[in-house]
Amino acid sequence: MKKTILLAIIGMLSFMQAANAQFYVGGSFGLDAKLSQGNGGVSFELSPDLGYTMGDWSFGSSFNIYLSGGNSAFAAGPYVEYFFWEAGKFSFYVEGGVELSWGGGFSFK
């Protein structure tokens, strides 16, 4: 398992040497307040996203933190995107990835 992760990191670093590559940072923030009698509560979500674009391909990882009442959950997952068509200010792409969550199991995006 450790060898596979090390090879994946080395592979990503070798792609980073391309001249037309760029890094990006994004994410989302969510806050939900339910103020009903007896069932009130606040939920919080923070999801930073880090990635690397090279030509038509993007490689990245998302990290998610969920807090709701006294409960919390964490998730992280790598993904890959392929941009197949650009029309003016719009780009169309396909994305695939795997997400590992603590307390929530294993899921596919």
PDB file of N, CA and C in Angstrom:
ATOM      1  N   MET A   1       0.832  -1.197   0.000  1.00  0.00           N
ATOM      2  CA  MET A   1       0.000   0.000   0.000  1.00  0.00           C
ATOM      3  C   MET A   1       0.874   1.256   0.000  1.00  0.00           C
ATOM      4  N   LYS A   2       1.926   1.269   0.831  1.00  0.00           N
ATOM      5  CA  LYS A   2       2.796   2.437   0.905  1.00  0.00           C
ATOM      6  C   LYS A   2       3.536   2.654  -0.410  1.00  0.00           C
ATOM      7  N   LYS A   3       3.911   1.557  -1.100  1.00  0.00           N
ATOM      8  CA  LYS A   3       4.605   1.686  -2.374  1.00  0.00           C
ATOM      9  C   LYS A   3       3.684   2.296  -3.423  1.00  0.00           C
ATOM     10  N   THR A   4       2.411   1.917  -3.403  1.00  0.00           N
ATOM     11  CA  THR A   4       1.449   2.457  -4.366  1.00  0.00           C
ATOM     12  C   THR A   4       1.272   3.949  -4.175  1.00  0.00           C
ATOM     13  N   ILE A   5       1.155   4.392  -2.923  1.00  0.00           N
ATOM     14  CA  ILE A   5       0.999   5.817  -2.636  1.00  0.00           C
ATOM     15  C   ILE A   5       2.248   6.581  -3.053  1.00  0.00           C
ATOM     16  N   LEU A   6       3.413   6.018  -2.757  1.00  0.00           N
ATOM     17  CA  LEU A   6       4.674   6.675  -3.133  1.00  0.00           C
ATOM     18  C   LEU A   6       4.794   6.795  -4.653  1.00  0.00           C
ATOM     19  N   LEU A   7       4.435   5.750  -5.385  1.00  0.00           N
ATOM     20  CA  LEU A   7       4.481   5.809  -6.847  1.00  0.00           C
ATOM     21  C   LEU A   7       3.493   6.829  -7.400  1.00  0.00           C
ATOM     22  N   ALA A   8       2.323   6.936  -6.794  1.00  0.00           N
ATOM     23  CA  ALA A   8       1.341   7.929  -7.238  1.00  0.00           C
ATOM     24  C   ALA A   8       1.864   9.347  -7.020  1.00  0.00           C
ATOM     25  N   ILE A   9       2.512   9.588  -5.892  1.00  0.00           N
ATOM     26  CA  ILE A   9       3.075  10.914  -5.607  1.00  0.00           C
ATOM     27  C   ILE A   9       4.195  11.238  -6.596  1.00  0.00           C
ATOM     28  N   ILE A  10       5.062  10.270  -6.871  1.00  0.00           N
ATOM     29  CA  ILE A  10       6.153  10.494  -7.830  1.00  0.00           C
ATOM     30  C   ILE A  10       5.586  10.768  -9.215  1.00  0.00           C
ATOM     31  N   GLY A  11       4.545  10.038  -9.603  1.00  0.00           N
ATOM     32  CA  GLY A  11       3.911  10.272 -10.893  1.00  0.00           C
ATOM     33  C   GLY A  11       3.319  11.664 -11.001  1.00  0.00           C
ATOM     34  N   MET A  12       2.645  12.124  -9.936  1.00  0.00           N
ATOM     35  CA  MET A  12       2.065  13.466  -9.956  1.00  0.00           C
ATOM     36  C   MET A  12       3.168  14.527 -10.011  1.00  0.00           C
ATOM     37  N   LEU A  13       4.248  14.323  -9.285  1.00  0.00           N
ATOM     38  CA  LEU A  13       5.345  15.295  -9.313  1.00  0.00           C
ATOM     39  C   LEU A  13       5.986  15.372 -10.695  1.00  0.00           C
ATOM     40  N   SER A  14       6.065  14.263 -11.397  1.00  0.00           N
ATOM     41  CA  SER A  14       6.652  14.306 -12.738  1.00  0.00           C
ATOM     42  C   SER A  14       5.759  15.079 -13.701  1.00  0.00           C
ATOM     43  N   PHE A  15       4.430  14.995 -13.541  1.00  0.00           N
ATOM     44  CA  PHE A  15       3.530  15.781 -14.378  1.00  0.00           C
ATOM     45  C   PHE A  15       3.656  17.269 -14.080  1.00  0.00           C
ATOM     46  N   MET A  16       4.029  17.632 -12.862  1.00  0.00           N
ATOM     47  CA  MET A  16       4.103  19.037 -12.466  1.00  0.00           C
ATOM     48  C   MET A  16       5.228  19.789 -13.176  1.00  0.00           C
ATOM     49  N   GLN A  17       6.090  19.094 -13.862  1.00  0.00           N
ATOM     50  CA  GLN A  17       7.196  19.742 -14.550  1.00  0.00           C
ATOM     51  C   GLN A  17       6.799  20.296 -15.914  1.00  0.00           C
ATOM     52  N   ALA A  18       5.584  20.049 -16.352  1.00  0.00           N
ATOM     53  CA  ALA A  18       5.144  20.532 -17.666  1.00  0.00           C
ATOM     54  C   ALA A  18       5.064  22.049 -17.683  1.00  0.00           C
ATOM     55  N   ALA A  19       5.353  22.642 -18.840  1.00  0.00           N
ATOM     56  CA  ALA A  19       5.420  24.101 -18.958  1.00  0.00           C
ATOM     57  C   ALA A  19       4.053  24.765 -18.911  1.00  0.00           C
ATOM     58  N   ASN A  20       2.994  24.094 -19.362  1.00  0.00           N
ATOM     59  CA  ASN A  20       1.682  24.726 -19.420  1.00  0.00           C
ATOM     60  C   ASN A  20       0.792  24.320 -18.247  1.00  0.00           C
ATOM     61  N   ALA A  21       1.375  24.049 -17.114  1.00  0.00           N
ATOM     62  CA  ALA A  21       0.614  23.595 -15.957  1.00  0.00           C
ATOM     63  C   ALA A  21       0.350  24.740 -14.989  1.00  0.00           C
ATOM     64  N   GLN A  22      -0.704  24.579 -14.186  1.00  0.00           N
ATOM     65  CA  GLN A  22      -1.002  25.590 -13.163  1.00  0.00           C
ATOM     66  C   GLN A  22      -1.715  24.944 -11.986  1.00  0.00           C
ATOM     67  N   PHE A  23      -1.513  25.531 -10.812  1.00  0.00           N
ATOM     68  CA  PHE A  23      -2.176  25.071  -9.601  1.00  0.00           C
ATOM     69  C   PHE A  23      -3.445  25.877  -9.389  1.00  0.00           C
ATOM     70  N   TYR A  24      -4.417  25.295  -8.703  1.00  0.00           N
ATOM     71  CA  TYR A  24      -5.614  26.039  -8.346  1.00  0.00           C
ATOM     72  C   TYR A  24      -6.067  25.651  -6.944  1.00  0.00           C
ATOM     73  N   VAL A  25      -6.729  26.589  -6.305  1.00  0.00           N
ATOM     74  CA  VAL A  25      -7.285  26.401  -4.967  1.00  0.00           C
ATOM     75  C   VAL A  25      -8.727  26.871  -5.018  1.00  0.00           C
ATOM     76  N   GLY A  26      -9.611  26.098  -4.478  1.00  0.00           N
ATOM     77  CA  GLY A  26     -11.033  26.458  -4.458  1.00  0.00           C
ATOM     78  C   GLY A  26     -11.694  25.826  -3.252  1.00  0.00           C
ATOM     79  N   GLY A  27     -12.995  25.723  -3.317  1.00  0.00           N
ATOM     80  CA  GLY A  27     -13.706  25.079  -2.238  1.00  0.00           C
ATOM     81  C   GLY A  27     -15.053  25.705  -1.986  1.00  0.00           C
ATOM     82  N   SER A  28     -15.645  25.295  -0.878  1.00  0.00           N
ATOM     83  CA  SER A  28     -16.952  25.821  -0.510  1.00  0.00           C
ATOM     84  C   SER A  28     -17.077  25.873   1.005  1.00  0.00           C
ATOM     85  N   PHE A  29     -18.054  26.639   1.431  1.00  0.00           N
ATOM     86  CA  PHE A  29     -18.359  26.828   2.847  1.00  0.00           C
ATOM     87  C   PHE A  29     -19.875  26.757   2.979  1.00  0.00           C
ATOM     88  N   GLY A  30     -20.360  26.017   3.935  1.00  0.00           N
ATOM     89  CA  GLY A  30     -21.806  25.911   4.124  1.00  0.00           C
ATOM     90  C   GLY A  30     -22.199  26.065   5.576  1.00  0.00           C
ATOM     91  N   LEU A  31     -23.302  26.729   5.804  1.00  0.00           N
ATOM     92  CA  LEU A  31     -23.845  26.929   7.142  1.00  0.00           C
ATOM     93  C   LEU A  31     -25.350  26.780   7.062  1.00  0.00           C
ATOM     94  N   ASP A  32     -25.916  25.914   7.894  1.00  0.00           N
ATOM     95  CA  ASP A  32     -27.349  25.645   7.882  1.00  0.00           C
ATOM     96  C   ASP A  32     -27.863  25.734   9.309  1.00  0.00           C
ATOM     97  N   ALA A  33     -28.830  26.619   9.531  1.00  0.00           N
ATOM     98  CA  ALA A  33     -29.414  26.797  10.866  1.00  0.00           C
ATOM     99  C   ALA A  33     -30.887  26.435  10.819  1.00  0.00           C
ATOM    100  N   LYS A  34     -31.272  25.491  11.663  1.00  0.00           N
ATOM    101  CA  LYS A  34     -32.675  25.104  11.787  1.00  0.00           C
ATOM    102  C   LYS A  34     -33.147  25.578  13.153  1.00  0.00           C
ATOM    103  N   LEU A  35     -34.086  26.489  13.148  1.00  0.00           N
ATOM    104  CA  LEU A  35     -34.512  27.135  14.389  1.00  0.00           C
ATOM    105  C   LEU A  35     -35.922  26.729  14.801  1.00  0.00           C
ATOM    106  N   SER A  36     -36.283  25.475  14.570  1.00  0.00           N
ATOM    107  CA  SER A  36     -37.603  25.017  15.001  1.00  0.00           C
ATOM    108  C   SER A  36     -37.566  24.664  16.482  1.00  0.00           C
ATOM    109  N   GLN A  37     -38.729  24.673  17.118  1.00  0.00           N
ATOM    110  CA  GLN A  37     -38.803  24.401  18.556  1.00  0.00           C
ATOM    111  C   GLN A  37     -38.475  22.936  18.826  1.00  0.00           C
ATOM    112  N   GLY A  38     -37.514  22.711  19.691  1.00  0.00           N
ATOM    113  CA  GLY A  38     -37.155  21.364  20.096  1.00  0.00           C
ATOM    114  C   GLY A  38     -36.197  20.643  19.153  1.00  0.00           C
ATOM    115  N   ASN A  39     -36.153  21.015  17.895  1.00  0.00           N
ATOM    116  CA  ASN A  39     -35.279  20.336  16.933  1.00  0.00           C
ATOM    117  C   ASN A  39     -34.271  21.286  16.307  1.00  0.00           C
ATOM    118  N   GLY A  40     -33.964  22.380  16.965  1.00  0.00           N
ATOM    119  CA  GLY A  40     -33.045  23.362  16.393  1.00  0.00           C
ATOM    120  C   GLY A  40     -31.619  22.846  16.368  1.00  0.00           C
ATOM    121  N   GLY A  41     -30.818  23.422  15.514  1.00  0.00           N
ATOM    122  CA  GLY A  41     -29.415  23.037  15.421  1.00  0.00           C
ATOM    123  C   GLY A  41     -28.726  23.778  14.301  1.00  0.00           C
ATOM    124  N   VAL A  42     -27.425  23.736  14.333  1.00  0.00           N
ATOM    125  CA  VAL A  42     -26.616  24.400  13.323  1.00  0.00           C
ATOM    126  C   VAL A  42     -25.675  23.358  12.724  1.00  0.00           C
ATOM    127  N   SER A  43     -25.583  23.341  11.390  1.00  0.00           N
ATOM    128  CA  SER A  43     -24.650  22.464  10.679  1.00  0.00           C
ATOM    129  C   SER A  43     -23.632  23.339   9.962  1.00  0.00           C
ATOM    130  N   PHE A  44     -22.412  22.866   9.926  1.00  0.00           N
ATOM    131  CA  PHE A  44     -21.301  23.611   9.328  1.00  0.00           C
ATOM    132  C   PHE A  44     -20.531  22.678   8.404  1.00  0.00           C
ATOM    133  N   GLU A  45     -20.140  23.167   7.228  1.00  0.00           N
ATOM    134  CA  GLU A  45     -19.349  22.380   6.287  1.00  0.00           C
ATOM    135  C   GLU A  45     -18.262  23.256   5.677  1.00  0.00           C
ATOM    136  N   LEU A  46     -17.040  22.757   5.673  1.00  0.00           N
ATOM    137  CA  LEU A  46     -15.900  23.426   5.054  1.00  0.00           C
ATOM    138  C   LEU A  46     -15.245  22.432   4.101  1.00  0.00           C
ATOM    139  N   SER A  47     -15.099  22.811   2.832  1.00  0.00           N
ATOM    140  CA  SER A  47     -14.586  21.894   1.805  1.00  0.00           C
ATOM    141  C   SER A  47     -13.535  22.563   0.917  1.00  0.00           C
ATOM    142  N   PRO A  48     -12.281  22.639   1.359  1.00  0.00           N
ATOM    143  CA  PRO A  48     -11.244  23.172   0.477  1.00  0.00           C
ATOM    144  C   PRO A  48     -10.898  22.169  -0.620  1.00  0.00           C
ATOM    145  N   ASP A  49     -10.447  22.685  -1.753  1.00  0.00           N
ATOM    146  CA  ASP A  49     -10.154  21.876  -2.927  1.00  0.00           C
ATOM    147  C   ASP A  49      -8.831  22.361  -3.517  1.00  0.00           C
ATOM    148  N   LEU A  50      -7.881  21.456  -3.699  1.00  0.00           N
ATOM    149  CA  LEU A  50      -6.566  21.791  -4.251  1.00  0.00           C
ATOM    150  C   LEU A  50      -6.335  20.962  -5.501  1.00  0.00           C
ATOM    151  N   GLY A  51      -5.761  21.587  -6.533  1.00  0.00           N
ATOM    152  CA  GLY A  51      -5.557  20.818  -7.744  1.00  0.00           C
ATOM    153  C   GLY A  51      -4.469  21.367  -8.628  1.00  0.00           C
ATOM    154  N   TYR A  52      -4.244  20.660  -9.703  1.00  0.00           N
ATOM    155  CA  TYR A  52      -3.177  20.945 -10.647  1.00  0.00           C
ATOM    156  C   TYR A  52      -3.729  20.682 -12.049  1.00  0.00           C
ATOM    157  N   THR A  53      -3.629  21.656 -12.941  1.00  0.00           N
ATOM    158  CA  THR A  53      -4.145  21.531 -14.301  1.00  0.00           C
ATOM    159  C   THR A  53      -2.987  21.475 -15.281  1.00  0.00           C
ATOM    160  N   MET A  54      -3.089  20.538 -16.212  1.00  0.00           N
ATOM    161  CA  MET A  54      -2.086  20.393 -17.246  1.00  0.00           C
ATOM    162  C   MET A  54      -2.810  20.070 -18.558  1.00  0.00           C
ATOM    163  N   GLY A  55      -2.914  21.070 -19.423  1.00  0.00           N
ATOM    164  CA  GLY A  55      -3.623  20.876 -20.687  1.00  0.00           C
ATOM    165  C   GLY A  55      -5.105  20.650 -20.460  1.00  0.00           C
ATOM    166  N   ASP A  56      -5.629  19.543 -20.965  1.00  0.00           N
ATOM    167  CA  ASP A  56      -7.041  19.192 -20.811  1.00  0.00           C
ATOM    168  C   ASP A  56      -7.311  18.397 -19.547  1.00  0.00           C
ATOM    169  N   TRP A  57      -6.295  18.085 -18.765  1.00  0.00           N
ATOM    170  CA  TRP A  57      -6.440  17.246 -17.571  1.00  0.00           C
ATOM    171  C   TRP A  57      -6.241  18.068 -16.307  1.00  0.00           C
ATOM    172  N   SER A  58      -7.000  17.717 -15.274  1.00  0.00           N
ATOM    173  CA  SER A  58      -6.828  18.291 -13.934  1.00  0.00           C
ATOM    174  C   SER A  58      -6.768  17.156 -12.927  1.00  0.00           C
ATOM    175  N   PHE A  59      -5.866  17.291 -11.976  1.00  0.00           N
ATOM    176  CA  PHE A  59      -5.715  16.328 -10.906  1.00  0.00           C
ATOM    177  C   PHE A  59      -5.835  17.097  -9.605  1.00  0.00           C
ATOM    178  N   GLY A  60      -6.597  16.571  -8.661  1.00  0.00           N
ATOM    179  CA  GLY A  60      -6.754  17.304  -7.418  1.00  0.00           C
ATOM    180  C   GLY A  60      -7.262  16.436  -6.297  1.00  0.00           C
ATOM    181  N   SER A  61      -7.506  17.076  -5.185  1.00  0.00           N
ATOM    182  CA  SER A  61      -8.039  16.401  -4.008  1.00  0.00           C
ATOM    183  C   SER A  61      -8.930  17.365  -3.251  1.00  0.00           C
ATOM    184  N   SER A  62     -10.005  16.832  -2.717  1.00  0.00           N
ATOM    185  CA  SER A  62     -10.903  17.641  -1.897  1.00  0.00           C
ATOM    186  C   SER A  62     -10.836  17.130  -0.458  1.00  0.00           C
ATOM    187  N   PHE A  63     -11.025  18.035   0.464  1.00  0.00           N
ATOM    188  CA  PHE A  63     -11.024  17.726   1.889  1.00  0.00           C
ATOM    189  C   PHE A  63     -12.300  18.319   2.476  1.00  0.00           C
ATOM    190  N   ASN A  64     -13.046  17.534   3.220  1.00  0.00           N
ATOM    191  CA  ASN A  64     -14.327  17.994   3.739  1.00  0.00           C
ATOM    192  C   ASN A  64     -14.387  17.819   5.247  1.00  0.00           C
ATOM    193  N   ILE A  65     -14.917  18.840   5.916  1.00  0.00           N
ATOM    194  CA  ILE A  65     -15.139  18.806   7.363  1.00  0.00           C
ATOM    195  C   ILE A  65     -16.605  19.128   7.600  1.00  0.00           C
ATOM    196  N   TYR A  66     -17.313  18.224   8.274  1.00  0.00           N
ATOM    197  CA  TYR A  66     -18.727  18.419   8.583  1.00  0.00           C
ATOM    198  C   TYR A  66     -18.896  18.466  10.093  1.00  0.00           C
ATOM    199  N   LEU A  67     -19.583  19.473  10.592  1.00  0.00           N
ATOM    200  CA  LEU A  67     -19.900  19.591  12.011  1.00  0.00           C
ATOM    201  C   LEU A  67     -21.388  19.844  12.145  1.00  0.00           C
ATOM    202  N   SER A  68     -22.058  19.027  12.935  1.00  0.00           N
ATOM    203  CA  SER A  68     -23.491  19.180  13.141  1.00  0.00           C
ATOM    204  C   SER A  68     -23.818  18.780  14.570  1.00  0.00           C
ATOM    205  N   GLY A  69     -24.229  19.750  15.362  1.00  0.00           N
ATOM    206  CA  GLY A  69     -24.494  19.463  16.764  1.00  0.00           C
ATOM    207  C   GLY A  69     -23.228  18.986  17.448  1.00  0.00           C
ATOM    208  N   GLY A  70     -23.276  17.816  18.062  1.00  0.00           N
ATOM    209  CA  GLY A  70     -22.096  17.232  18.680  1.00  0.00           C
ATOM    210  C   GLY A  70     -21.376  16.250  17.777  1.00  0.00           C
ATOM    211  N   ASN A  71     -21.827  16.075  16.541  1.00  0.00           N
ATOM    212  CA  ASN A  71     -21.244  15.108  15.628  1.00  0.00           C
ATOM    213  C   ASN A  71     -20.297  15.791  14.646  1.00  0.00           C
ATOM    214  N   SER A  72     -19.278  15.038  14.222  1.00  0.00           N
ATOM    215  CA  SER A  72     -18.364  15.560  13.216  1.00  0.00           C
ATOM    216  C   SER A  72     -17.951  14.426  12.286  1.00  0.00           C
ATOM    217  N   ALA A  73     -17.604  14.784  11.061  1.00  0.00           N
ATOM    218  CA  ALA A  73     -17.136  13.816  10.074  1.00  0.00           C
ATOM    219  C   ALA A  73     -16.082  14.485   9.202  1.00  0.00           C
ATOM    220  N   PHE A  74     -15.175  13.676   8.692  1.00  0.00           N
ATOM    221  CA  PHE A  74     -14.104  14.159   7.833  1.00  0.00           C
ATOM    222  C   PHE A  74     -14.041  13.279   6.588  1.00  0.00           C
ATOM    223  N   ALA A  75     -13.699  13.874   5.466  1.00  0.00           N
ATOM    224  CA  ALA A  75     -13.573  13.114   4.223  1.00  0.00           C
ATOM    225  C   ALA A  75     -12.470  13.721   3.375  1.00  0.00           C
ATOM    226  N   ALA A  76     -11.828  12.877   2.590  1.00  0.00           N
ATOM    227  CA  ALA A  76     -10.791  13.326   1.654  1.00  0.00           C
ATOM    228  C   ALA A  76     -10.824  12.407   0.442  1.00  0.00           C
ATOM    229  N   GLY A  77     -10.525  12.974  -0.697  1.00  0.00           N
ATOM    230  CA  GLY A  77     -10.528  12.124  -1.878  1.00  0.00           C
ATOM    231  C   GLY A  77      -9.876  12.754  -3.085  1.00  0.00           C
ATOM    232  N   PRO A  78      -9.060  11.980  -3.794  1.00  0.00           N
ATOM    233  CA  PRO A  78      -8.467  12.463  -5.038  1.00  0.00           C
ATOM    234  C   PRO A  78      -9.466  12.360  -6.186  1.00  0.00           C
ATOM    235  N   TYR A  79      -9.271  13.178  -7.207  1.00  0.00           N
ATOM    236  CA  TYR A  79     -10.122  13.122  -8.387  1.00  0.00           C
ATOM    237  C   TYR A  79      -9.313  13.512  -9.614  1.00  0.00           C
ATOM    238  N   VAL A  80      -9.851  13.175 -10.777  1.00  0.00           N
ATOM    239  CA  VAL A  80      -9.257  13.550 -12.053  1.00  0.00           C
ATOM    240  C   VAL A  80     -10.380  14.076 -12.945  1.00  0.00           C
ATOM    241  N   GLU A  81     -10.085  15.132 -13.696  1.00  0.00           N
ATOM    242  CA  GLU A  81     -11.072  15.730 -14.610  1.00  0.00           C
ATOM    243  C   GLU A  81     -10.467  15.802 -16.005  1.00  0.00           C
ATOM    244  N   TYR A  82     -11.311  15.593 -17.012  1.00  0.00           N
ATOM    245  CA  TYR A  82     -10.898  15.741 -18.401  1.00  0.00           C
ATOM    246  C   TYR A  82     -11.839  16.729 -19.076  1.00  0.00           C
ATOM    247  N   PHE A  83     -11.296  17.852 -19.549  1.00  0.00           N
ATOM    248  CA  PHE A  83     -12.085  18.886 -20.223  1.00  0.00           C
ATOM    249  C   PHE A  83     -12.145  18.536 -21.705  1.00  0.00           C
ATOM    250  N   PHE A  84     -13.345  18.207 -22.198  1.00  0.00           N
ATOM    251  CA  PHE A  84     -13.456  17.720 -23.560  1.00  0.00           C
ATOM    252  C   PHE A  84     -14.048  18.717 -24.545  1.00  0.00           C
ATOM    253  N   TRP A  85     -14.647  19.823 -24.058  1.00  0.00           N
ATOM    254  CA  TRP A  85     -15.224  20.776 -25.001  1.00  0.00           C
ATOM    255  C   TRP A  85     -15.309  22.141 -24.348  1.00  0.00           C
ATOM    256  N   GLU A  86     -14.894  23.177 -25.079  1.00  0.00           N
ATOM    257  CA  GLU A  86     -14.960  24.548 -24.576  1.00  0.00           C
ATOM    258  C   GLU A  86     -15.779  25.374 -25.552  1.00  0.00           C
ATOM    259  N   ALA A  87     -16.762  26.100 -25.006  1.00  0.00           N
ATOM    260  CA  ALA A  87     -17.639  26.951 -25.822  1.00  0.00           C
ATOM    261  C   ALA A  87     -17.689  28.327 -25.171  1.00  0.00           C
ATOM    262  N   GLY A  88     -16.838  29.229 -25.637  1.00  0.00           N
ATOM    263  CA  GLY A  88     -16.799  30.571 -25.064  1.00  0.00           C
ATOM    264  C   GLY A  88     -16.306  30.527 -23.627  1.00  0.00           C
ATOM    265  N   LYS A  89     -17.139  31.015 -22.695  1.00  0.00           N
ATOM    266  CA  LYS A  89     -16.778  31.027 -21.279  1.00  0.00           C
ATOM    267  C   LYS A  89     -17.132  29.723 -20.570  1.00  0.00           C
ATOM    268  N   PHE A  90     -17.705  28.776 -21.276  1.00  0.00           N
ATOM    269  CA  PHE A  90     -18.130  27.512 -20.681  1.00  0.00           C
ATOM    270  C   PHE A  90     -17.195  26.385 -21.092  1.00  0.00           C
ATOM    271  N   SER A  91     -16.910  25.497 -20.136  1.00  0.00           N
ATOM    272  CA  SER A  91     -16.126  24.295 -20.402  1.00  0.00           C
ATOM    273  C   SER A  91     -16.929  23.090 -19.930  1.00  0.00           C
ATOM    274  N   PHE A  92     -16.869  22.029 -20.690  1.00  0.00           N
ATOM    275  CA  PHE A  92     -17.551  20.802 -20.326  1.00  0.00           C
ATOM    276  C   PHE A  92     -16.497  19.744 -20.023  1.00  0.00           C
ATOM    277  N   TYR A  93     -16.731  18.999 -18.944  1.00  0.00           N
ATOM    278  CA  TYR A  93     -15.738  18.022 -18.525  1.00  0.00           C
ATOM    279  C   TYR A  93     -16.400  16.825 -17.867  1.00  0.00           C
ATOM    280  N   VAL A  94     -15.641  15.752 -17.736  1.00  0.00           N
ATOM    281  CA  VAL A  94     -16.047  14.581 -16.966  1.00  0.00           C
ATOM    282  C   VAL A  94     -15.076  14.468 -15.797  1.00  0.00           C
ATOM    283  N   GLU A  95     -15.590  13.966 -14.684  1.00  0.00           N
ATOM    284  CA  GLU A  95     -14.792  13.868 -13.465  1.00  0.00           C
ATOM    285  C   GLU A  95     -15.010  12.509 -12.827  1.00  0.00           C
ATOM    286  N   GLY A  96     -13.958  11.951 -12.295  1.00  0.00           N
ATOM    287  CA  GLY A  96     -14.048  10.706 -11.549  1.00  0.00           C
ATOM    288  C   GLY A  96     -13.138  10.775 -10.344  1.00  0.00           C
ATOM    289  N   GLY A  97     -13.567  10.146  -9.272  1.00  0.00           N
ATOM    290  CA  GLY A  97     -12.752  10.172  -8.067  1.00  0.00           C
ATOM    291  C   GLY A  97     -13.237   9.183  -7.028  1.00  0.00           C
ATOM    292  N   VAL A  98     -12.489   9.095  -5.970  1.00  0.00           N
ATOM    293  CA  VAL A  98     -12.819   8.221  -4.843  1.00  0.00           C
ATOM    294  C   VAL A  98     -12.751   9.068  -3.588  1.00  0.00           C
ATOM    295  N   GLU A  99     -13.676   8.850  -2.673  1.00  0.00           N
ATOM    296  CA  GLU A  99     -13.684   9.614  -1.428  1.00  0.00           C
ATOM    297  C   GLU A  99     -13.655   8.662  -0.248  1.00  0.00           C
ATOM    298  N   LEU A 100     -12.775   8.936   0.694  1.00  0.00           N
ATOM    299  CA  LEU A 100     -12.671   8.159   1.924  1.00  0.00           C
ATOM    300  C   LEU A 100     -13.167   9.036   3.061  1.00  0.00           C
ATOM    301  N   SER A 101     -14.149   8.543   3.792  1.00  0.00           N
ATOM    302  CA  SER A 101     -14.696   9.350   4.889  1.00  0.00           C
ATOM    303  C   SER A 101     -14.552   8.591   6.200  1.00  0.00           C
ATOM    304  N   TRP A 102     -14.257   9.329   7.241  1.00  0.00           N
ATOM    305  CA  TRP A 102     -14.114   8.760   8.565  1.00  0.00           C
ATOM    306  C   TRP A 102     -15.477   8.780   9.232  1.00  0.00           C
ATOM    307  N   GLY A 103     -15.948   7.615   9.599  1.00  0.00           N
ATOM    308  CA  GLY A 103     -17.270   7.489  10.210  1.00  0.00           C
ATOM    309  C   GLY A 103     -18.378   7.297   9.190  1.00  0.00           C
ATOM    310  N   GLY A 104     -18.077   7.449   7.896  1.00  0.00           N
ATOM    311  CA  GLY A 104     -19.100   7.322   6.879  1.00  0.00           C
ATOM    312  C   GLY A 104     -18.835   6.235   5.870  1.00  0.00           C
ATOM    313  N   GLY A 105     -17.663   5.596   5.896  1.00  0.00           N
ATOM    314  CA  GLY A 105     -17.385   4.507   4.965  1.00  0.00           C
ATOM    315  C   GLY A 105     -16.670   4.955   3.723  1.00  0.00           C
ATOM    316  N   PHE A 106     -16.800   4.188   2.683  1.00  0.00           N
ATOM    317  CA  PHE A 106     -16.077   4.355   1.431  1.00  0.00           C
ATOM    318  C   PHE A 106     -17.096   4.592   0.325  1.00  0.00           C
ATOM    319  N   SER A 107     -16.901   5.617  -0.498  1.00  0.00           N
ATOM    320  CA  SER A 107     -17.897   5.910  -1.539  1.00  0.00           C
ATOM    321  C   SER A 107     -17.214   6.382  -2.804  1.00  0.00           C
ATOM    322  N   PHE A 108     -17.937   6.280  -3.916  1.00  0.00           N
ATOM    323  CA  PHE A 108     -17.466   6.765  -5.208  1.00  0.00           C
ATOM    324  C   PHE A 108     -18.229   8.021  -5.572  1.00  0.00           C
ATOM    325  N   LYS A 109     -17.552   9.013  -6.186  1.00  0.00           N
ATOM    326  CA  LYS A 109     -18.219  10.226  -6.657  1.00  0.00           C
ATOM    327  C   LYS A 109     -18.722   9.989  -8.051  1.00  0.00           C
TER     328      LYS A 109
END
